[in-house]
Amino acid sequence: MLLPPPLPPLVGVPRSALGALRTALLRDAGWNAVGWLTEMGWAGGTEALEAFVCWLPANGESRHVNELDAASFQRLAAAFFEATGWGRLAIAPLGSGLVTLDSPDWIEADPAAALPYPGCYVSGGLFGAFFSAIGEVTLTAMEVECRSAGARRCRWLLGSPAAIQHVYDAMARGEPYADAALTVPVADL
């Protein structure tokens, strides 16, 4: 069976190559590699959105991305990421200012990696840029559960940089991210 060509401007990268890149960078550069991998993802977010905009009419959607209601957008964005090989994705609100992005089979995750922390750094950057470009506001994605670190799913929180920082700081103090997500100050939304 032939696969359809990638949507412009996307290119296919084998799962093993993405994993090998992360492994080599973490091995050779330590945790400095996290920023580089996140930046790699961020650099591709706008082009991923361009591909999503092209993908919509090819998949029966006549509305532009900015005309979609929340439920349609969530369904179509999830279908797009799955169709382009990233994996299944569920998008849902968490608290009043954050969104969860959940996947049981995300391509960047490698359960054999046994990382001490979540490790889908390229995806975190990609999500931040993709969703920022749609809303024309700066959003940040932080992975809080990862199959590469032994979790049953990958889960990112998406929100304003201040809201994500609030959750990060709470987690650093030992608080569960879900509790911290419910206490994000209104000023940080």
C-alpha atoms as a PDB file:
ATOM      1  CA  MET A   1       0.000   0.000   0.000  1.00  0.00           C
ATOM      2  CA  LEU A   2       1.362   3.403  -0.956  1.00  0.00           C
ATOM      3  CA  LEU A   3       1.134   6.208   1.555  1.00  0.00           C
ATOM      4  CA  PRO A   4      -0.063   9.633   0.411  1.00  0.00           C
ATOM      5  CA  PRO A   5       2.680  12.229   0.082  1.00  0.00           C
ATOM      6  CA  PRO A   6       3.220  14.453   3.120  1.00  0.00           C
ATOM      7  CA  LEU A   7       1.214  17.639   3.225  1.00  0.00           C
ATOM      8  CA  PRO A   8       3.244  20.700   2.379  1.00  0.00           C
ATOM      9  CA  PRO A   9       5.409  21.688   4.188  1.00  0.00           C
ATOM     10  CA  LEU A  10       5.650  18.462   6.233  1.00  0.00           C
ATOM     11  CA  VAL A  11       8.216  15.726   5.823  1.00  0.00           C
ATOM     12  CA  GLY A  12       8.083  12.224   7.283  1.00  0.00           C
ATOM     13  CA  VAL A  13      10.685  11.272   9.878  1.00  0.00           C
ATOM     14  CA  PRO A  14      10.870   7.685  11.135  1.00  0.00           C
ATOM     15  CA  ARG A  15      10.097   7.158  14.826  1.00  0.00           C
ATOM     16  CA  SER A  16      13.511   5.574  15.313  1.00  0.00           C
ATOM     17  CA  ALA A  17      15.254   8.695  13.956  1.00  0.00           C
ATOM     18  CA  LEU A  18      13.402  10.980  16.349  1.00  0.00           C
ATOM     19  CA  GLY A  19      14.260   8.683  19.250  1.00  0.00           C
ATOM     20  CA  ALA A  20      17.889   8.398  18.180  1.00  0.00           C
ATOM     21  CA  LEU A  21      18.188  12.190  18.011  1.00  0.00           C
ATOM     22  CA  ARG A  22      16.830  12.590  21.548  1.00  0.00           C
ATOM     23  CA  THR A  23      19.037   9.787  22.893  1.00  0.00           C
ATOM     24  CA  ALA A  24      22.197  11.176  21.287  1.00  0.00           C
ATOM     25  CA  LEU A  25      21.527  14.735  22.388  1.00  0.00           C
ATOM     26  CA  LEU A  26      20.729  13.745  25.975  1.00  0.00           C
ATOM     27  CA  ARG A  27      23.808  11.508  26.059  1.00  0.00           C
ATOM     28  CA  ASP A  28      26.186  14.078  24.601  1.00  0.00           C
ATOM     29  CA  ALA A  29      24.735  17.374  25.869  1.00  0.00           C
ATOM     30  CA  GLY A  30      22.860  16.318  28.983  1.00  0.00           C
ATOM     31  CA  TRP A  31      19.731  18.186  29.931  1.00  0.00           C
ATOM     32  CA  ASN A  32      20.821  21.161  27.769  1.00  0.00           C
ATOM     33  CA  ALA A  33      19.376  19.088  24.933  1.00  0.00           C
ATOM     34  CA  VAL A  34      15.855  19.666  26.263  1.00  0.00           C
ATOM     35  CA  GLY A  35      15.911  23.280  25.111  1.00  0.00           C
ATOM     36  CA  TRP A  36      17.284  22.354  21.699  1.00  0.00           C
ATOM     37  CA  LEU A  37      14.649  19.685  21.113  1.00  0.00           C
ATOM     38  CA  THR A  38      11.880  21.997  22.283  1.00  0.00           C
ATOM     39  CA  GLU A  39      13.179  24.703  19.945  1.00  0.00           C
ATOM     40  CA  MET A  40      13.156  22.187  17.099  1.00  0.00           C
ATOM     41  CA  GLY A  41       9.478  21.522  17.760  1.00  0.00           C
ATOM     42  CA  TRP A  42       8.669  25.213  18.133  1.00  0.00           C
ATOM     43  CA  ALA A  43      10.320  25.924  14.770  1.00  0.00           C
ATOM     44  CA  GLY A  44       7.906  23.506  13.072  1.00  0.00           C
ATOM     45  CA  GLY A  45       4.681  24.595  14.744  1.00  0.00           C
ATOM     46  CA  THR A  46       3.685  27.272  12.253  1.00  0.00           C
ATOM     47  CA  GLU A  47       4.351  24.971   9.302  1.00  0.00           C
ATOM     48  CA  ALA A  48       2.338  22.235  10.998  1.00  0.00           C
ATOM     49  CA  LEU A  49      -0.522  24.719  11.225  1.00  0.00           C
ATOM     50  CA  GLU A  50      -0.126  25.504   7.504  1.00  0.00           C
ATOM     51  CA  ALA A  51      -0.371  21.789   6.773  1.00  0.00           C
ATOM     52  CA  PHE A  52      -3.468  21.545   9.006  1.00  0.00           C
ATOM     53  CA  VAL A  53      -5.099  24.394   7.067  1.00  0.00           C
ATOM     54  CA  CYS A  54      -4.378  22.491   3.802  1.00  0.00           C
ATOM     55  CA  TRP A  55      -5.557  19.213   5.343  1.00  0.00           C
ATOM     56  CA  LEU A  56      -8.976  20.573   6.405  1.00  0.00           C
ATOM     57  CA  PRO A  57     -10.590  20.943   2.950  1.00  0.00           C
ATOM     58  CA  ALA A  58      -8.922  17.746   1.725  1.00  0.00           C
ATOM     59  CA  ASN A  59     -10.761  16.003   4.554  1.00  0.00           C
ATOM     60  CA  GLY A  60     -14.194  17.476   3.934  1.00  0.00           C
ATOM     61  CA  GLU A  61     -14.048  20.589   6.134  1.00  0.00           C
ATOM     62  CA  SER A  62     -15.152  23.746   4.343  1.00  0.00           C
ATOM     63  CA  ARG A  63     -14.607  26.109   7.289  1.00  0.00           C
ATOM     64  CA  HIS A  64     -11.284  27.849   7.869  1.00  0.00           C
ATOM     65  CA  VAL A  65      -9.493  26.896  11.081  1.00  0.00           C
ATOM     66  CA  ASN A  66     -10.477  30.221  12.704  1.00  0.00           C
ATOM     67  CA  GLU A  67     -14.168  29.530  11.979  1.00  0.00           C
ATOM     68  CA  LEU A  68     -14.274  26.177  13.779  1.00  0.00           C
ATOM     69  CA  ASP A  69     -16.169  25.850  17.052  1.00  0.00           C
ATOM     70  CA  ALA A  70     -14.177  24.357  19.945  1.00  0.00           C
ATOM     71  CA  ALA A  71     -15.574  20.821  19.613  1.00  0.00           C
ATOM     72  CA  SER A  72     -14.954  20.700  15.847  1.00  0.00           C
ATOM     73  CA  PHE A  73     -11.470  22.116  16.246  1.00  0.00           C
ATOM     74  CA  GLN A  74     -10.555  19.558  18.924  1.00  0.00           C
ATOM     75  CA  ARG A  75     -11.876  16.677  16.815  1.00  0.00           C
ATOM     76  CA  LEU A  76     -10.178  17.855  13.624  1.00  0.00           C
ATOM     77  CA  ALA A  77      -6.845  18.741  15.252  1.00  0.00           C
ATOM     78  CA  ALA A  78      -6.780  15.291  16.860  1.00  0.00           C
ATOM     79  CA  ALA A  79      -7.583  13.659  13.508  1.00  0.00           C
ATOM     80  CA  PHE A  80      -4.853  15.711  11.804  1.00  0.00           C
ATOM     81  CA  PHE A  81      -2.131  14.689  14.245  1.00  0.00           C
ATOM     82  CA  GLU A  82      -3.177  11.060  13.966  1.00  0.00           C
ATOM     83  CA  ALA A  83      -3.354  11.198  10.146  1.00  0.00           C
ATOM     84  CA  THR A  84       0.108  12.743   9.930  1.00  0.00           C
ATOM     85  CA  GLY A  85       1.607   9.965  12.032  1.00  0.00           C
ATOM     86  CA  TRP A  86       2.051  11.564  15.446  1.00  0.00           C
ATOM     87  CA  GLY A  87      -0.533   9.396  17.214  1.00  0.00           C
ATOM     88  CA  ARG A  88      -3.987   9.577  18.705  1.00  0.00           C
ATOM     89  CA  LEU A  89      -4.712  12.763  20.628  1.00  0.00           C
ATOM     90  CA  ALA A  90      -7.509  13.874  22.941  1.00  0.00           C
ATOM     91  CA  ILE A  91      -7.897  17.572  23.726  1.00  0.00           C
ATOM     92  CA  ALA A  92      -9.858  18.695  26.775  1.00  0.00           C
ATOM     93  CA  PRO A  93     -10.016  21.599  29.249  1.00  0.00           C
ATOM     94  CA  LEU A  94      -8.437  21.329  32.692  1.00  0.00           C
ATOM     95  CA  GLY A  95      -9.461  23.991  35.151  1.00  0.00           C
ATOM     96  CA  SER A  96     -10.387  27.384  33.829  1.00  0.00           C
ATOM     97  CA  GLY A  97      -7.292  28.234  31.838  1.00  0.00           C
ATOM     98  CA  LEU A  98      -5.462  25.099  30.793  1.00  0.00           C
ATOM     99  CA  VAL A  99      -5.999  22.422  28.184  1.00  0.00           C
ATOM    100  CA  THR A 100      -4.799  18.821  28.282  1.00  0.00           C
ATOM    101  CA  LEU A 101      -3.400  17.042  25.253  1.00  0.00           C
ATOM    102  CA  ASP A 102      -3.415  13.269  25.893  1.00  0.00           C
ATOM    103  CA  SER A 103      -2.070  10.414  23.797  1.00  0.00           C
ATOM    104  CA  PRO A 104      -1.775   6.698  24.497  1.00  0.00           C
ATOM    105  CA  ASP A 105       0.531   6.112  21.503  1.00  0.00           C
ATOM    106  CA  TRP A 106       2.433   9.333  20.754  1.00  0.00           C
ATOM    107  CA  ILE A 107       5.218   8.758  18.227  1.00  0.00           C
ATOM    108  CA  GLU A 108       7.929  10.642  20.120  1.00  0.00           C
ATOM    109  CA  ALA A 109       7.483   8.541  23.255  1.00  0.00           C
ATOM    110  CA  ASP A 110       9.629   5.456  23.774  1.00  0.00           C
ATOM    111  CA  PRO A 111       8.700   3.332  26.796  1.00  0.00           C
ATOM    112  CA  ALA A 112      12.095   1.595  26.539  1.00  0.00           C
ATOM    113  CA  ALA A 113      13.884   4.924  27.114  1.00  0.00           C
ATOM    114  CA  ALA A 114      13.107   4.800  30.864  1.00  0.00           C
ATOM    115  CA  LEU A 115      13.683   8.530  31.234  1.00  0.00           C
ATOM    116  CA  PRO A 116      13.479  10.076  34.707  1.00  0.00           C
ATOM    117  CA  TYR A 117      11.220  12.864  33.390  1.00  0.00           C
ATOM    118  CA  PRO A 118       8.765  13.291  30.513  1.00  0.00           C
ATOM    119  CA  GLY A 119      10.707  13.301  27.252  1.00  0.00           C
ATOM    120  CA  CYS A 120       8.556  14.403  24.294  1.00  0.00           C
ATOM    121  CA  TYR A 121      10.359  17.718  24.008  1.00  0.00           C
ATOM    122  CA  VAL A 122       9.945  18.198  20.260  1.00  0.00           C
ATOM    123  CA  SER A 123       6.204  17.687  20.652  1.00  0.00           C
ATOM    124  CA  GLY A 124       5.983  20.188  23.506  1.00  0.00           C
ATOM    125  CA  GLY A 125       7.551  22.874  21.336  1.00  0.00           C
ATOM    126  CA  LEU A 126       5.427  21.888  18.341  1.00  0.00           C
ATOM    127  CA  PHE A 127       2.213  22.108  20.360  1.00  0.00           C
ATOM    128  CA  GLY A 128       3.177  25.484  21.817  1.00  0.00           C
ATOM    129  CA  ALA A 129       3.840  27.019  18.408  1.00  0.00           C
ATOM    130  CA  PHE A 130       0.905  25.298  16.648  1.00  0.00           C
ATOM    131  CA  PHE A 131      -1.717  26.422  19.158  1.00  0.00           C
ATOM    132  CA  SER A 132      -0.113  29.866  19.598  1.00  0.00           C
ATOM    133  CA  ALA A 133      -0.360  30.486  15.859  1.00  0.00           C
ATOM    134  CA  ILE A 134      -4.037  29.550  15.813  1.00  0.00           C
ATOM    135  CA  GLY A 135      -4.990  31.818  18.685  1.00  0.00           C
ATOM    136  CA  GLU A 136      -2.427  34.508  17.910  1.00  0.00           C
ATOM    137  CA  VAL A 137      -1.400  34.437  21.579  1.00  0.00           C
ATOM    138  CA  THR A 138       1.665  32.895  23.155  1.00  0.00           C
ATOM    139  CA  LEU A 139       0.945  29.485  24.633  1.00  0.00           C
ATOM    140  CA  THR A 140       3.276  26.998  26.245  1.00  0.00           C
ATOM    141  CA  ALA A 141       2.969  23.222  26.381  1.00  0.00           C
ATOM    142  CA  MET A 142       4.539  21.259  29.230  1.00  0.00           C
ATOM    143  CA  GLU A 143       4.520  17.482  29.304  1.00  0.00           C
ATOM    144  CA  VAL A 144       3.516  16.209  32.744  1.00  0.00           C
ATOM    145  CA  GLU A 145       3.112  12.475  31.994  1.00  0.00           C
ATOM    146  CA  CYS A 146       5.104  10.495  29.442  1.00  0.00           C
ATOM    147  CA  ARG A 147       5.303   6.943  28.234  1.00  0.00           C
ATOM    148  CA  SER A 148       9.099   7.450  27.968  1.00  0.00           C
ATOM    149  CA  ALA A 149       9.102   7.893  31.755  1.00  0.00           C
ATOM    150  CA  GLY A 150       6.827   4.930  32.521  1.00  0.00           C
ATOM    151  CA  ALA A 151       3.378   6.560  32.352  1.00  0.00           C
ATOM    152  CA  ARG A 152       0.539   4.877  30.455  1.00  0.00           C
ATOM    153  CA  ARG A 153       0.004   7.979  28.317  1.00  0.00           C
ATOM    154  CA  CYS A 154       1.688  11.201  27.296  1.00  0.00           C
ATOM    155  CA  ARG A 155      -0.045  14.294  28.665  1.00  0.00           C
ATOM    156  CA  TRP A 156       0.797  17.915  28.025  1.00  0.00           C
ATOM    157  CA  LEU A 157      -0.719  20.947  29.683  1.00  0.00           C
ATOM    158  CA  LEU A 158      -1.255  23.872  27.327  1.00  0.00           C
ATOM    159  CA  GLY A 159      -1.789  27.408  28.568  1.00  0.00           C
ATOM    160  CA  SER A 160      -0.304  30.845  28.997  1.00  0.00           C
ATOM    161  CA  PRO A 161       3.366  30.922  29.977  1.00  0.00           C
ATOM    162  CA  ALA A 162       2.369  32.291  33.417  1.00  0.00           C
ATOM    163  CA  ALA A 163      -0.179  29.503  33.983  1.00  0.00           C
ATOM    164  CA  ILE A 164       2.326  26.825  32.975  1.00  0.00           C
ATOM    165  CA  GLN A 165       4.964  28.428  35.220  1.00  0.00           C
ATOM    166  CA  HIS A 166       2.472  28.323  38.113  1.00  0.00           C
ATOM    167  CA  VAL A 167       1.969  24.579  37.584  1.00  0.00           C
ATOM    168  CA  TYR A 168       5.696  23.964  37.132  1.00  0.00           C
ATOM    169  CA  ASP A 169       6.529  25.799  40.363  1.00  0.00           C
ATOM    170  CA  ALA A 170       3.859  23.848  42.248  1.00  0.00           C
ATOM    171  CA  MET A 171       5.206  20.558  40.877  1.00  0.00           C
ATOM    172  CA  ALA A 172       8.724  21.576  41.969  1.00  0.00           C
ATOM    173  CA  ARG A 173       7.294  21.926  45.499  1.00  0.00           C
ATOM    174  CA  GLY A 174       5.879  18.395  45.229  1.00  0.00           C
ATOM    175  CA  GLU A 175       2.259  19.260  44.447  1.00  0.00           C
ATOM    176  CA  PRO A 176       0.342  17.197  41.865  1.00  0.00           C
ATOM    177  CA  TYR A 177      -0.006  19.021  38.560  1.00  0.00           C
ATOM    178  CA  ALA A 178      -3.782  18.445  38.482  1.00  0.00           C
ATOM    179  CA  ASP A 179      -4.197  20.250  41.809  1.00  0.00           C
ATOM    180  CA  ALA A 180      -1.942  23.098  40.695  1.00  0.00           C
ATOM    181  CA  ALA A 181      -3.894  23.433  37.438  1.00  0.00           C
ATOM    182  CA  LEU A 182      -7.042  24.154  39.435  1.00  0.00           C
ATOM    183  CA  THR A 183      -5.377  26.975  41.390  1.00  0.00           C
ATOM    184  CA  VAL A 184      -3.912  29.039  38.548  1.00  0.00           C
ATOM    185  CA  PRO A 185      -4.448  32.701  39.482  1.00  0.00           C
ATOM    186  CA  VAL A 186      -6.831  34.565  37.182  1.00  0.00           C
ATOM    187  CA  ALA A 187      -4.047  37.051  36.420  1.00  0.00           C
ATOM    188  CA  ASP A 188      -1.983  34.182  34.951  1.00  0.00           C
ATOM    189  CA  LEU A 189      -4.662  33.033  32.510  1.00  0.00           C
END
